[in-house]
Structures are given as C-alpha cells and as structure tokens.
Amino acid sequence: MASSWRRDVTRRRALSPVPALMFRPYGRVMVLHVVILVGGFLVTKLGSPLIPLALVVVLKTGLDLSGHRGEHAGVVGGPASDLLGLV
C-alpha cells in the first residue's frame, strides 16, 4: 500500500486539493447506507443473512478492484467517481 501511494504521488507530483479530499468519503457513506438498508430488507424477506452477505462481499470486492484498476489506469478521478467513492 505504501509503495502504491508513493508511486502515485511521484507520478502526479501533487496531492489533491483539500476540499476534494474532505468530500471524497461522502459517496462511500451514502452507498454504505443504501447497502445496509437493502440488505436488511433482503434478510427480512429471505429469512437468512447468507445470501445478502455473499452479495455484499462480491459487489464490494468487484467495486474495489475496478476502482483500483481504474485509478491506476488514469480513468477514475472525476466528480462521478468521487460521488460513488471509487477513488
């Protein structure tokens, strides 16, 4: 992780502006709340937490992987990706 950060900082030569960094987590927090609510409804409807848990693990892993790959490819970084918390 430290080597990835170091490579990104040396490649960009500058860090993001402070206001952008301050608002970056809000997209993730919004997605987190939606997932918790939808997961709660699924557990209530299905009666078992296993299926919603498996869905959350698969979706979270997929989103994190695509965000990481996109960030290193230079694709992620605009306002839409910040809103979704993929940066």
C-alpha atoms as a PDB file:
ATOM      1  CA  MET A   1       0.000   0.000   0.000  1.00  0.00           C
ATOM      2  CA  ALA A   2       2.778   2.417   0.849  1.00  0.00           C
ATOM      3  CA  SER A   3       4.564   1.668  -2.413  1.00  0.00           C
ATOM      4  CA  SER A   4       1.348   2.276  -4.375  1.00  0.00           C
ATOM      5  CA  TRP A   5       0.851   5.614  -2.616  1.00  0.00           C
ATOM      6  CA  ARG A   6       4.478   6.625  -3.197  1.00  0.00           C
ATOM      7  CA  ARG A   7       4.233   5.742  -6.894  1.00  0.00           C
ATOM      8  CA  ASP A   8       1.010   7.748  -7.255  1.00  0.00           C
ATOM      9  CA  VAL A   9       2.439  10.810  -5.514  1.00  0.00           C
ATOM     10  CA  THR A  10       5.634  10.803  -7.548  1.00  0.00           C
ATOM     11  CA  ARG A  11       3.699  10.288 -10.772  1.00  0.00           C
ATOM     12  CA  ARG A  12       1.256  13.134 -10.116  1.00  0.00           C
ATOM     13  CA  ARG A  13       3.791  15.414  -8.374  1.00  0.00           C
ATOM     14  CA  ALA A  14       0.952  16.929  -6.331  1.00  0.00           C
ATOM     15  CA  LEU A  15      -1.771  15.795  -3.997  1.00  0.00           C
ATOM     16  CA  SER A  16      -5.462  16.542  -4.444  1.00  0.00           C
ATOM     17  CA  PRO A  17      -6.804  19.826  -3.092  1.00  0.00           C
ATOM     18  CA  VAL A  18      -8.055  19.724   0.497  1.00  0.00           C
ATOM     19  CA  PRO A  19     -11.782  20.374  -0.251  1.00  0.00           C
ATOM     20  CA  ALA A  20     -11.834  17.469  -2.706  1.00  0.00           C
ATOM     21  CA  LEU A  21     -10.250  15.204  -0.110  1.00  0.00           C
ATOM     22  CA  MET A  22     -12.730  16.293   2.556  1.00  0.00           C
ATOM     23  CA  PHE A  23     -15.801  15.427   0.473  1.00  0.00           C
ATOM     24  CA  ARG A  24     -14.434  12.217  -1.048  1.00  0.00           C
ATOM     25  CA  PRO A  25     -15.792   9.831   1.651  1.00  0.00           C
ATOM     26  CA  TYR A  26     -19.410  11.019   1.393  1.00  0.00           C
ATOM     27  CA  GLY A  27     -20.133   8.956  -1.720  1.00  0.00           C
ATOM     28  CA  ARG A  28     -18.973   5.801   0.042  1.00  0.00           C
ATOM     29  CA  VAL A  29     -21.013   6.612   3.133  1.00  0.00           C
ATOM     30  CA  MET A  30     -24.158   7.066   1.025  1.00  0.00           C
ATOM     31  CA  VAL A  31     -23.581   3.764  -0.772  1.00  0.00           C
ATOM     32  CA  LEU A  32     -22.909   2.074   2.576  1.00  0.00           C
ATOM     33  CA  HIS A  33     -26.243   3.232   3.991  1.00  0.00           C
ATOM     34  CA  VAL A  34     -28.169   2.106   0.912  1.00  0.00           C
ATOM     35  CA  VAL A  35     -26.496  -1.313   1.052  1.00  0.00           C
ATOM     36  CA  ILE A  36     -27.323  -1.683   4.757  1.00  0.00           C
ATOM     37  CA  LEU A  37     -30.987  -0.801   4.168  1.00  0.00           C
ATOM     38  CA  VAL A  38     -31.380  -3.047   1.120  1.00  0.00           C
ATOM     39  CA  GLY A  39     -29.522  -5.849   2.901  1.00  0.00           C
ATOM     40  CA  GLY A  40     -31.818  -5.518   5.906  1.00  0.00           C
ATOM     41  CA  PHE A  41     -34.883  -5.803   3.682  1.00  0.00           C
ATOM     42  CA  LEU A  42     -33.399  -8.850   1.943  1.00  0.00           C
ATOM     43  CA  VAL A  43     -32.645 -10.552   5.255  1.00  0.00           C
ATOM     44  CA  THR A  44     -36.207  -9.864   6.405  1.00  0.00           C
ATOM     45  CA  LYS A  45     -37.685 -11.127   3.138  1.00  0.00           C
ATOM     46  CA  LEU A  46     -35.454 -14.208   2.751  1.00  0.00           C
ATOM     47  CA  GLY A  47     -35.103 -15.057   6.427  1.00  0.00           C
ATOM     48  CA  SER A  48     -31.402 -15.805   6.051  1.00  0.00           C
ATOM     49  CA  PRO A  49     -28.435 -13.426   6.115  1.00  0.00           C
ATOM     50  CA  LEU A  50     -26.244 -15.697   3.986  1.00  0.00           C
ATOM     51  CA  ILE A  51     -27.358 -14.575   0.513  1.00  0.00           C
ATOM     52  CA  PRO A  52     -27.228 -10.806   1.211  1.00  0.00           C
ATOM     53  CA  LEU A  53     -23.839 -11.240   2.892  1.00  0.00           C
ATOM     54  CA  ALA A  54     -22.462 -13.081  -0.127  1.00  0.00           C
ATOM     55  CA  LEU A  55     -23.832 -10.373  -2.449  1.00  0.00           C
ATOM     56  CA  VAL A  56     -22.231  -7.597  -0.403  1.00  0.00           C
ATOM     57  CA  VAL A  57     -18.861  -9.364  -0.348  1.00  0.00           C
ATOM     58  CA  VAL A  58     -18.890  -9.981  -4.115  1.00  0.00           C
ATOM     59  CA  LEU A  59     -20.095  -6.481  -5.018  1.00  0.00           C
ATOM     60  CA  LYS A  60     -17.678  -4.729  -2.640  1.00  0.00           C
ATOM     61  CA  THR A  61     -14.728  -6.739  -3.907  1.00  0.00           C
ATOM     62  CA  GLY A  62     -15.683  -6.054  -7.527  1.00  0.00           C
ATOM     63  CA  LEU A  63     -16.141  -2.313  -6.972  1.00  0.00           C
ATOM     64  CA  ASP A  64     -12.876  -2.014  -5.062  1.00  0.00           C
ATOM     65  CA  LEU A  65     -10.977  -3.929  -7.732  1.00  0.00           C
ATOM     66  CA  SER A  66     -12.442  -1.910 -10.603  1.00  0.00           C
ATOM     67  CA  GLY A  67     -11.810   1.353  -8.749  1.00  0.00           C
ATOM     68  CA  HIS A  68      -8.214   0.405  -8.023  1.00  0.00           C
ATOM     69  CA  ARG A  69      -7.551  -0.642 -11.616  1.00  0.00           C
ATOM     70  CA  GLY A  70      -9.257   2.460 -12.975  1.00  0.00           C
ATOM     71  CA  GLU A  71      -7.320   4.743 -10.655  1.00  0.00           C
ATOM     72  CA  HIS A  72      -4.009   3.312 -11.792  1.00  0.00           C
ATOM     73  CA  ALA A  73      -5.091   3.468 -15.430  1.00  0.00           C
ATOM     74  CA  GLY A  74      -5.973   7.159 -15.024  1.00  0.00           C
ATOM     75  CA  VAL A  75      -9.680   6.594 -15.710  1.00  0.00           C
ATOM     76  CA  VAL A  76     -11.058   7.263 -12.226  1.00  0.00           C
ATOM     77  CA  GLY A  77     -10.762  10.656 -10.629  1.00  0.00           C
ATOM     78  CA  GLY A  78     -13.599  12.779 -11.917  1.00  0.00           C
ATOM     79  CA  PRO A  79     -16.594  14.016  -9.949  1.00  0.00           C
ATOM     80  CA  ALA A  80     -18.722  10.947 -10.787  1.00  0.00           C
ATOM     81  CA  SER A  81     -16.142   8.541  -9.404  1.00  0.00           C
ATOM     82  CA  ASP A  82     -15.805  10.665  -6.256  1.00  0.00           C
ATOM     83  CA  LEU A  83     -19.563  10.536  -5.794  1.00  0.00           C
ATOM     84  CA  LEU A  84     -19.522   6.761  -5.986  1.00  0.00           C
ATOM     85  CA  GLY A  85     -16.482   6.576  -3.730  1.00  0.00           C
ATOM     86  CA  LEU A  86     -14.386   4.722  -6.224  1.00  0.00           C
ATOM     87  CA  VAL A  87     -11.326   6.843  -5.740  1.00  0.00           C
END
